[in-house]
Amino acid sequence: MAREIILDTETTGFDPKTGDRLVEIGCIEVVDFMPTGRSFHEYCDPLRDMPAEAEKVHGLSSAFLTGKPKFDAIADRFLEFVGDAPVIAHNAAFDRSFVNFELEKCGRALLPESRWIDTLAMAKKRFPGMYNSLDALCKRFKISLDSRDKHGALIDAHLLAEVYLELQGGKERVLELTAVVSINTVAIAQAGSYGLRTRPLAPRSTEAERLAHAEFVRKNLKDKAVWLSFGLEELPSALS
């Protein structure tokens, strides 16, 4: 099974090198491109003001974020949730820059570029010259945006999981994976099926009962007994 983490962040701006900070992080676990129901979500106090332009995008105010955990307080739980799985993000370079800035700031191991998969790059390759924002892709793939009125890290991670599935082949990919599971299930069932016994079970009926049954067949069924057409004897030798 392929385990991956879909990740999204919200921030105070565009560049951590100029003082911007991460304020929300949301991750969901997917296995074989399907969400498992496990997620990680936290708001973080950026220890700075929230620019009005950023607040318009995600709706997170300084008043709301003040007193929320600092990133260093959630870093270990975040890294534990991600584990060694690849990280999927839309415009991954943006999210990676903020995540790694915060990790480095609190002395934790960074998530190297090689572990990140960028769905924006995937979309540009599939839809060259088209607008490939997360919203645009949701509309193109007919994924409902009714669950949000502003950007939110966990909500957007769930939307991105659906987009990622579509970029990987959509429902056809799910059917393909389902077929593989079905084939494996049949193989397992066949492997566990019963073969010939090395030592046959002893009969549960008595000799008298078997003789009585044979006599009943001879008198009442005669040539109507189906098993006789397969070469089985009509009567035991004692009655022949």
C-alpha atoms as a PDB file:
ATOM      1  CA  MET A   1       0.000   0.000   0.000  1.00  0.00           C
ATOM      2  CA  ALA A   2       1.211   3.505  -0.879  1.00  0.00           C
ATOM      3  CA  ARG A   3       0.859   5.943   2.024  1.00  0.00           C
ATOM      4  CA  GLU A   4       1.008   9.677   1.222  1.00  0.00           C
ATOM      5  CA  ILE A   5       0.264  12.903   3.098  1.00  0.00           C
ATOM      6  CA  ILE A   6      -1.784  15.700   1.524  1.00  0.00           C
ATOM      7  CA  LEU A   7      -0.699  19.030   3.058  1.00  0.00           C
ATOM      8  CA  ASP A   8      -1.830  22.633   2.963  1.00  0.00           C
ATOM      9  CA  THR A   9      -0.825  25.714   4.941  1.00  0.00           C
ATOM     10  CA  GLU A  10      -2.079  29.217   5.595  1.00  0.00           C
ATOM     11  CA  THR A  11       0.393  32.006   6.302  1.00  0.00           C
ATOM     12  CA  THR A  12       0.748  35.720   6.995  1.00  0.00           C
ATOM     13  CA  GLY A  13       2.202  36.320   3.537  1.00  0.00           C
ATOM     14  CA  PHE A  14       4.358  34.972   0.732  1.00  0.00           C
ATOM     15  CA  ASP A  15       7.912  34.655   2.037  1.00  0.00           C
ATOM     16  CA  PRO A  16       9.219  33.445   5.423  1.00  0.00           C
ATOM     17  CA  LYS A  17      12.560  35.090   4.676  1.00  0.00           C
ATOM     18  CA  THR A  18      10.901  38.512   4.935  1.00  0.00           C
ATOM     19  CA  GLY A  19       9.219  37.783   8.265  1.00  0.00           C
ATOM     20  CA  ASP A  20       6.066  35.938   7.223  1.00  0.00           C
ATOM     21  CA  ARG A  21       5.003  32.976   9.353  1.00  0.00           C
ATOM     22  CA  LEU A  22       2.885  29.855   9.127  1.00  0.00           C
ATOM     23  CA  VAL A  23      -0.457  30.209  10.954  1.00  0.00           C
ATOM     24  CA  GLU A  24      -2.333  27.012  10.046  1.00  0.00           C
ATOM     25  CA  ILE A  25      -1.314  23.564   8.860  1.00  0.00           C
ATOM     26  CA  GLY A  26      -3.614  20.760   7.743  1.00  0.00           C
ATOM     27  CA  CYS A  27      -2.702  17.247   6.628  1.00  0.00           C
ATOM     28  CA  ILE A  28      -4.710  14.197   5.688  1.00  0.00           C
ATOM     29  CA  GLU A  29      -3.473  10.660   5.190  1.00  0.00           C
ATOM     30  CA  VAL A  30      -4.213   8.854   1.929  1.00  0.00           C
ATOM     31  CA  VAL A  31      -3.450   5.240   1.104  1.00  0.00           C
ATOM     32  CA  ASP A  32      -3.572   4.192  -2.540  1.00  0.00           C
ATOM     33  CA  PHE A  33      -4.927   7.693  -3.346  1.00  0.00           C
ATOM     34  CA  MET A  34      -7.919   7.350  -0.992  1.00  0.00           C
ATOM     35  CA  PRO A  35      -8.303   9.255   2.329  1.00  0.00           C
ATOM     36  CA  THR A  36      -8.144   6.988   5.381  1.00  0.00           C
ATOM     37  CA  GLY A  37      -9.904   9.407   7.753  1.00  0.00           C
ATOM     38  CA  ARG A  38      -6.702  10.237   9.695  1.00  0.00           C
ATOM     39  CA  SER A  39      -5.747  13.912   9.783  1.00  0.00           C
ATOM     40  CA  PHE A  40      -3.527  16.460  11.500  1.00  0.00           C
ATOM     41  CA  HIS A  41      -4.629  20.063  11.985  1.00  0.00           C
ATOM     42  CA  GLU A  42      -3.319  22.962  14.049  1.00  0.00           C
ATOM     43  CA  TYR A  43      -3.445  26.749  14.230  1.00  0.00           C
ATOM     44  CA  CYS A  44      -0.208  28.466  15.242  1.00  0.00           C
ATOM     45  CA  ASP A  45       0.470  31.816  16.876  1.00  0.00           C
ATOM     46  CA  PRO A  46       2.742  33.676  14.403  1.00  0.00           C
ATOM     47  CA  LEU A  47       3.930  36.097  17.110  1.00  0.00           C
ATOM     48  CA  ARG A  48       3.297  38.993  14.744  1.00  0.00           C
ATOM     49  CA  ASP A  49       0.405  40.955  13.255  1.00  0.00           C
ATOM     50  CA  MET A  50      -1.823  39.586  10.496  1.00  0.00           C
ATOM     51  CA  PRO A  51      -1.805  41.700   7.309  1.00  0.00           C
ATOM     52  CA  ALA A  52      -5.293  42.651   6.143  1.00  0.00           C
ATOM     53  CA  GLU A  53      -4.684  41.144   2.685  1.00  0.00           C
ATOM     54  CA  ALA A  54      -3.828  37.741   4.172  1.00  0.00           C
ATOM     55  CA  GLU A  55      -6.791  37.822   6.557  1.00  0.00           C
ATOM     56  CA  LYS A  56      -9.125  38.377   3.599  1.00  0.00           C
ATOM     57  CA  VAL A  57      -7.886  35.097   2.093  1.00  0.00           C
ATOM     58  CA  HIS A  58      -8.162  32.774   5.094  1.00  0.00           C
ATOM     59  CA  GLY A  59     -10.120  34.773   7.672  1.00  0.00           C
ATOM     60  CA  LEU A  60      -7.606  34.206  10.486  1.00  0.00           C
ATOM     61  CA  SER A  61      -7.163  37.336  12.585  1.00  0.00           C
ATOM     62  CA  SER A  62      -4.423  38.241  15.031  1.00  0.00           C
ATOM     63  CA  ALA A  63      -7.003  38.134  17.827  1.00  0.00           C
ATOM     64  CA  PHE A  64      -7.969  34.561  16.908  1.00  0.00           C
ATOM     65  CA  LEU A  65      -4.379  33.322  16.619  1.00  0.00           C
ATOM     66  CA  THR A  66      -2.981  34.970  19.747  1.00  0.00           C
ATOM     67  CA  GLY A  67      -2.482  32.282  22.386  1.00  0.00           C
ATOM     68  CA  LYS A  68      -2.588  29.384  19.923  1.00  0.00           C
ATOM     69  CA  PRO A  69       0.367  26.944  20.170  1.00  0.00           C
ATOM     70  CA  LYS A  70       3.677  28.053  18.711  1.00  0.00           C
ATOM     71  CA  PHE A  71       4.947  25.841  15.914  1.00  0.00           C
ATOM     72  CA  ASP A  72       7.675  24.312  18.075  1.00  0.00           C
ATOM     73  CA  ALA A  73       4.957  22.944  20.366  1.00  0.00           C
ATOM     74  CA  ILE A  74       3.352  20.971  17.523  1.00  0.00           C
ATOM     75  CA  ALA A  75       6.460  20.131  15.464  1.00  0.00           C
ATOM     76  CA  ASP A  76       7.042  16.643  16.872  1.00  0.00           C
ATOM     77  CA  ARG A  77       3.417  15.575  16.457  1.00  0.00           C
ATOM     78  CA  PHE A  78       3.444  16.924  12.907  1.00  0.00           C
ATOM     79  CA  LEU A  79       6.606  14.998  12.015  1.00  0.00           C
ATOM     80  CA  GLU A  80       5.245  11.842  13.645  1.00  0.00           C
ATOM     81  CA  PHE A  81       2.047  12.102  11.584  1.00  0.00           C
ATOM     82  CA  VAL A  82       3.932  12.650   8.327  1.00  0.00           C
ATOM     83  CA  GLY A  83       6.425   9.874   9.054  1.00  0.00           C
ATOM     84  CA  ASP A  84       8.436   8.868   6.008  1.00  0.00           C
ATOM     85  CA  ALA A  85       5.575   9.341   3.528  1.00  0.00           C
ATOM     86  CA  PRO A  86       5.764  11.563   0.438  1.00  0.00           C
ATOM     87  CA  VAL A  87       4.106  14.967   0.919  1.00  0.00           C
ATOM     88  CA  ILE A  88       1.610  16.214  -1.660  1.00  0.00           C
ATOM     89  CA  ALA A  89       0.975  19.976  -1.933  1.00  0.00           C
ATOM     90  CA  HIS A  90      -0.357  22.434  -4.496  1.00  0.00           C
ATOM     91  CA  ASN A  91       2.505  24.759  -5.415  1.00  0.00           C
ATOM     92  CA  ALA A  92       4.669  22.647  -3.138  1.00  0.00           C
ATOM     93  CA  ALA A  93       7.605  25.064  -3.135  1.00  0.00           C
ATOM     94  CA  PHE A  94       5.476  27.590  -1.229  1.00  0.00           C
ATOM     95  CA  ASP A  95       4.333  25.174   1.499  1.00  0.00           C
ATOM     96  CA  ARG A  96       7.766  23.569   1.715  1.00  0.00           C
ATOM     97  CA  SER A  97       9.457  26.936   2.295  1.00  0.00           C
ATOM     98  CA  PHE A  98       7.211  27.730   5.263  1.00  0.00           C
ATOM     99  CA  VAL A  99       7.196  24.222   6.758  1.00  0.00           C
ATOM    100  CA  ASN A 100      10.979  23.911   6.555  1.00  0.00           C
ATOM    101  CA  PHE A 101      11.492  27.458   7.862  1.00  0.00           C
ATOM    102  CA  GLU A 102       9.440  26.617  10.949  1.00  0.00           C
ATOM    103  CA  LEU A 103      11.140  23.230  11.381  1.00  0.00           C
ATOM    104  CA  GLU A 104      14.597  24.750  11.123  1.00  0.00           C
ATOM    105  CA  LYS A 105      13.659  27.544  13.510  1.00  0.00           C
ATOM    106  CA  CYS A 106      12.820  25.015  16.226  1.00  0.00           C
ATOM    107  CA  GLY A 107      15.742  22.692  15.490  1.00  0.00           C
ATOM    108  CA  ARG A 108      13.867  19.839  13.809  1.00  0.00           C
ATOM    109  CA  ALA A 109      14.803  17.859  10.704  1.00  0.00           C
ATOM    110  CA  LEU A 110      13.675  19.401   7.410  1.00  0.00           C
ATOM    111  CA  LEU A 111      11.502  17.665   4.824  1.00  0.00           C
ATOM    112  CA  PRO A 112      13.775  17.486   1.750  1.00  0.00           C
ATOM    113  CA  GLU A 113      12.549  18.572  -1.659  1.00  0.00           C
ATOM    114  CA  SER A 114      12.773  14.982  -2.936  1.00  0.00           C
ATOM    115  CA  ARG A 115       9.863  13.998  -0.680  1.00  0.00           C
ATOM    116  CA  TRP A 116       7.454  16.592  -2.077  1.00  0.00           C
ATOM    117  CA  ILE A 117       5.051  16.064  -4.979  1.00  0.00           C
ATOM    118  CA  ASP A 118       3.658  19.222  -6.574  1.00  0.00           C
ATOM    119  CA  THR A 119       0.109  18.908  -7.904  1.00  0.00           C
ATOM    120  CA  LEU A 120       0.433  22.321  -9.589  1.00  0.00           C
ATOM    121  CA  ALA A 121       3.286  20.962 -11.726  1.00  0.00           C
ATOM    122  CA  MET A 122       1.194  17.860 -12.455  1.00  0.00           C
ATOM    123  CA  ALA A 123      -1.760  20.028 -13.502  1.00  0.00           C
ATOM    124  CA  LYS A 124       0.382  22.243 -15.735  1.00  0.00           C
ATOM    125  CA  LYS A 125       1.686  19.162 -17.507  1.00  0.00           C
ATOM    126  CA  ARG A 126      -1.819  17.817 -18.042  1.00  0.00           C
ATOM    127  CA  PHE A 127      -3.481  21.175 -18.814  1.00  0.00           C
ATOM    128  CA  PRO A 128      -0.775  23.341 -20.399  1.00  0.00           C
ATOM    129  CA  GLY A 129      -1.644  27.001 -20.792  1.00  0.00           C
ATOM    130  CA  MET A 130      -4.726  26.730 -18.558  1.00  0.00           C
ATOM    131  CA  TYR A 131      -5.457  28.271 -15.169  1.00  0.00           C
ATOM    132  CA  ASN A 132      -4.515  25.570 -12.661  1.00  0.00           C
ATOM    133  CA  SER A 133      -5.262  26.965  -9.211  1.00  0.00           C
ATOM    134  CA  LEU A 134      -6.870  24.595  -6.714  1.00  0.00           C
ATOM    135  CA  ASP A 135     -10.233  26.308  -7.242  1.00  0.00           C
ATOM    136  CA  ALA A 136      -9.916  26.052 -11.028  1.00  0.00           C
ATOM    137  CA  LEU A 137      -9.055  22.350 -10.831  1.00  0.00           C
ATOM    138  CA  CYS A 138     -11.967  21.651  -8.491  1.00  0.00           C
ATOM    139  CA  LYS A 139     -14.338  23.280 -10.992  1.00  0.00           C
ATOM    140  CA  ARG A 140     -12.718  21.420 -13.902  1.00  0.00           C
ATOM    141  CA  PHE A 141     -13.083  18.084 -12.123  1.00  0.00           C
ATOM    142  CA  LYS A 142     -16.564  18.985 -10.804  1.00  0.00           C
ATOM    143  CA  ILE A 143     -15.454  18.812  -7.158  1.00  0.00           C
ATOM    144  CA  SER A 144     -17.829  20.756  -4.897  1.00  0.00           C
ATOM    145  CA  LEU A 145     -16.503  23.900  -3.195  1.00  0.00           C
ATOM    146  CA  ASP A 146     -19.597  24.267  -1.013  1.00  0.00           C
ATOM    147  CA  SER A 147     -17.642  23.229   2.096  1.00  0.00           C
ATOM    148  CA  ARG A 148     -15.768  26.534   2.304  1.00  0.00           C
ATOM    149  CA  ASP A 149     -16.167  30.256   1.792  1.00  0.00           C
ATOM    150  CA  LYS A 150     -12.521  31.057   2.598  1.00  0.00           C
ATOM    151  CA  HIS A 151      -9.267  29.163   2.314  1.00  0.00           C
ATOM    152  CA  GLY A 152      -8.560  26.803   5.218  1.00  0.00           C
ATOM    153  CA  ALA A 153      -5.654  24.379   5.493  1.00  0.00           C
ATOM    154  CA  LEU A 154      -7.630  21.247   6.396  1.00  0.00           C
ATOM    155  CA  ILE A 155     -10.519  21.972   4.033  1.00  0.00           C
ATOM    156  CA  ASP A 156      -8.112  22.665   1.180  1.00  0.00           C
ATOM    157  CA  ALA A 157      -6.173  19.478   1.976  1.00  0.00           C
ATOM    158  CA  HIS A 158      -9.384  17.472   1.560  1.00  0.00           C
ATOM    159  CA  LEU A 159     -10.126  19.231  -1.742  1.00  0.00           C
ATOM    160  CA  LEU A 160      -6.560  18.625  -2.891  1.00  0.00           C
ATOM    161  CA  ALA A 161      -6.897  14.909  -2.101  1.00  0.00           C
ATOM    162  CA  GLU A 162      -9.808  14.742  -4.559  1.00  0.00           C
ATOM    163  CA  VAL A 163      -7.862  16.733  -7.158  1.00  0.00           C
ATOM    164  CA  TYR A 164      -4.813  14.488  -6.696  1.00  0.00           C
ATOM    165  CA  LEU A 165      -6.942  11.402  -7.311  1.00  0.00           C
ATOM    166  CA  GLU A 166      -8.285  12.952 -10.515  1.00  0.00           C
ATOM    167  CA  LEU A 167      -4.787  13.880 -11.685  1.00  0.00           C
ATOM    168  CA  GLN A 168      -3.792  10.239 -11.133  1.00  0.00           C
ATOM    169  CA  GLY A 169      -6.645   8.900 -13.254  1.00  0.00           C
ATOM    170  CA  GLY A 170      -9.722   9.566 -11.149  1.00  0.00           C
ATOM    171  CA  LYS A 171     -12.441   6.954 -10.773  1.00  0.00           C
ATOM    172  CA  GLU A 172     -10.769   4.750 -13.367  1.00  0.00           C
ATOM    173  CA  ARG A 173      -7.767   4.505 -11.019  1.00  0.00           C
ATOM    174  CA  VAL A 174     -10.052   3.539  -8.124  1.00  0.00           C
ATOM    175  CA  LEU A 175     -11.637   0.812 -10.255  1.00  0.00           C
ATOM    176  CA  GLU A 176      -8.178  -0.399 -11.233  1.00  0.00           C
ATOM    177  CA  LEU A 177      -7.131  -0.591  -7.576  1.00  0.00           C
ATOM    178  CA  THR A 178     -10.428  -2.291  -6.685  1.00  0.00           C
ATOM    179  CA  ALA A 179      -9.803  -4.902  -9.386  1.00  0.00           C
ATOM    180  CA  VAL A 180      -6.332  -5.590  -7.978  1.00  0.00           C
ATOM    181  CA  VAL A 181      -7.790  -6.035  -4.492  1.00  0.00           C
ATOM    182  CA  SER A 182     -10.443  -8.413  -5.883  1.00  0.00           C
ATOM    183  CA  ILE A 183      -7.849 -10.495  -7.726  1.00  0.00           C
ATOM    184  CA  ASN A 184      -5.713 -10.711  -4.590  1.00  0.00           C
ATOM    185  CA  THR A 185      -8.753 -11.714  -2.539  1.00  0.00           C
ATOM    186  CA  VAL A 186      -9.587 -14.528  -4.982  1.00  0.00           C
ATOM    187  CA  ALA A 187      -5.975 -15.703  -4.959  1.00  0.00           C
ATOM    188  CA  ILE A 188      -5.949 -15.799  -1.161  1.00  0.00           C
ATOM    189  CA  ALA A 189      -9.247 -17.699  -1.127  1.00  0.00           C
ATOM    190  CA  GLN A 190      -7.947 -20.211  -3.643  1.00  0.00           C
ATOM    191  CA  ALA A 191      -4.730 -20.668  -1.717  1.00  0.00           C
ATOM    192  CA  GLY A 192      -6.729 -21.434   1.408  1.00  0.00           C
ATOM    193  CA  SER A 193      -9.248 -23.793  -0.246  1.00  0.00           C
ATOM    194  CA  TYR A 194      -9.450 -27.414   0.814  1.00  0.00           C
ATOM    195  CA  GLY A 195      -7.667 -30.105  -1.166  1.00  0.00           C
ATOM    196  CA  LEU A 196      -7.868 -33.889  -0.897  1.00  0.00           C
ATOM    197  CA  ARG A 197      -7.556 -35.209   2.605  1.00  0.00           C
ATOM    198  CA  THR A 198      -4.498 -37.336   3.241  1.00  0.00           C
ATOM    199  CA  ARG A 199      -6.674 -39.461   5.556  1.00  0.00           C
ATOM    200  CA  PRO A 200     -10.410 -39.616   4.632  1.00  0.00           C
ATOM    201  CA  LEU A 201     -12.953 -39.105   7.386  1.00  0.00           C
ATOM    202  CA  ALA A 202     -14.586 -42.265   8.729  1.00  0.00           C
ATOM    203  CA  PRO A 203     -18.288 -42.691   7.738  1.00  0.00           C
ATOM    204  CA  ARG A 204     -20.791 -41.420  10.296  1.00  0.00           C
ATOM    205  CA  SER A 205     -23.492 -43.966   9.301  1.00  0.00           C
ATOM    206  CA  THR A 206     -23.582 -47.584  10.468  1.00  0.00           C
ATOM    207  CA  GLU A 207     -23.363 -50.590   8.159  1.00  0.00           C
ATOM    208  CA  ALA A 208     -27.047 -51.351   8.855  1.00  0.00           C
ATOM    209  CA  GLU A 209     -28.082 -47.798   7.900  1.00  0.00           C
ATOM    210  CA  ARG A 210     -26.138 -47.989   4.642  1.00  0.00           C
ATOM    211  CA  LEU A 211     -27.745 -51.308   3.760  1.00  0.00           C
ATOM    212  CA  ALA A 212     -31.224 -49.960   4.548  1.00  0.00           C
ATOM    213  CA  HIS A 213     -30.580 -46.924   2.334  1.00  0.00           C
ATOM    214  CA  ALA A 214     -29.382 -49.110  -0.531  1.00  0.00           C
ATOM    215  CA  GLU A 215     -32.495 -51.279  -0.243  1.00  0.00           C
ATOM    216  CA  PHE A 216     -34.707 -48.154  -0.311  1.00  0.00           C
ATOM    217  CA  VAL A 217     -32.994 -46.966  -3.490  1.00  0.00           C
ATOM    218  CA  ARG A 218     -33.362 -50.350  -5.161  1.00  0.00           C
ATOM    219  CA  LYS A 219     -37.091 -50.628  -4.411  1.00  0.00           C
ATOM    220  CA  ASN A 220     -38.248 -47.016  -4.850  1.00  0.00           C
ATOM    221  CA  LEU A 221     -35.899 -45.159  -7.186  1.00  0.00           C
ATOM    222  CA  LYS A 222     -34.520 -47.871  -9.424  1.00  0.00           C
ATOM    223  CA  ASP A 223     -33.060 -46.185 -12.534  1.00  0.00           C
ATOM    224  CA  LYS A 224     -34.140 -42.698 -11.349  1.00  0.00           C
ATOM    225  CA  ALA A 225     -31.176 -42.461  -8.965  1.00  0.00           C
ATOM    226  CA  VAL A 226     -29.000 -39.789 -10.600  1.00  0.00           C
ATOM    227  CA  TRP A 227     -25.738 -41.019  -9.126  1.00  0.00           C
ATOM    228  CA  LEU A 228     -26.072 -44.363 -10.889  1.00  0.00           C
ATOM    229  CA  SER A 229     -25.383 -42.581 -14.213  1.00  0.00           C
ATOM    230  CA  PHE A 230     -21.938 -41.676 -12.844  1.00  0.00           C
ATOM    231  CA  GLY A 231     -20.961 -45.337 -12.439  1.00  0.00           C
ATOM    232  CA  LEU A 232     -21.622 -45.636  -8.730  1.00  0.00           C
ATOM    233  CA  GLU A 233     -22.907 -48.999  -7.508  1.00  0.00           C
ATOM    234  CA  GLU A 234     -26.603 -49.300  -6.770  1.00  0.00           C
ATOM    235  CA  LEU A 235     -26.143 -51.575  -3.775  1.00  0.00           C
ATOM    236  CA  PRO A 236     -23.358 -52.558  -1.464  1.00  0.00           C
ATOM    237  CA  SER A 237     -21.836 -55.939  -2.223  1.00  0.00           C
ATOM    238  CA  ALA A 238     -23.704 -57.528   0.684  1.00  0.00           C
ATOM    239  CA  LEU A 239     -27.040 -56.984  -1.161  1.00  0.00           C
ATOM    240  CA  SER A 240     -25.888 -57.668  -4.708  1.00  0.00           C
END
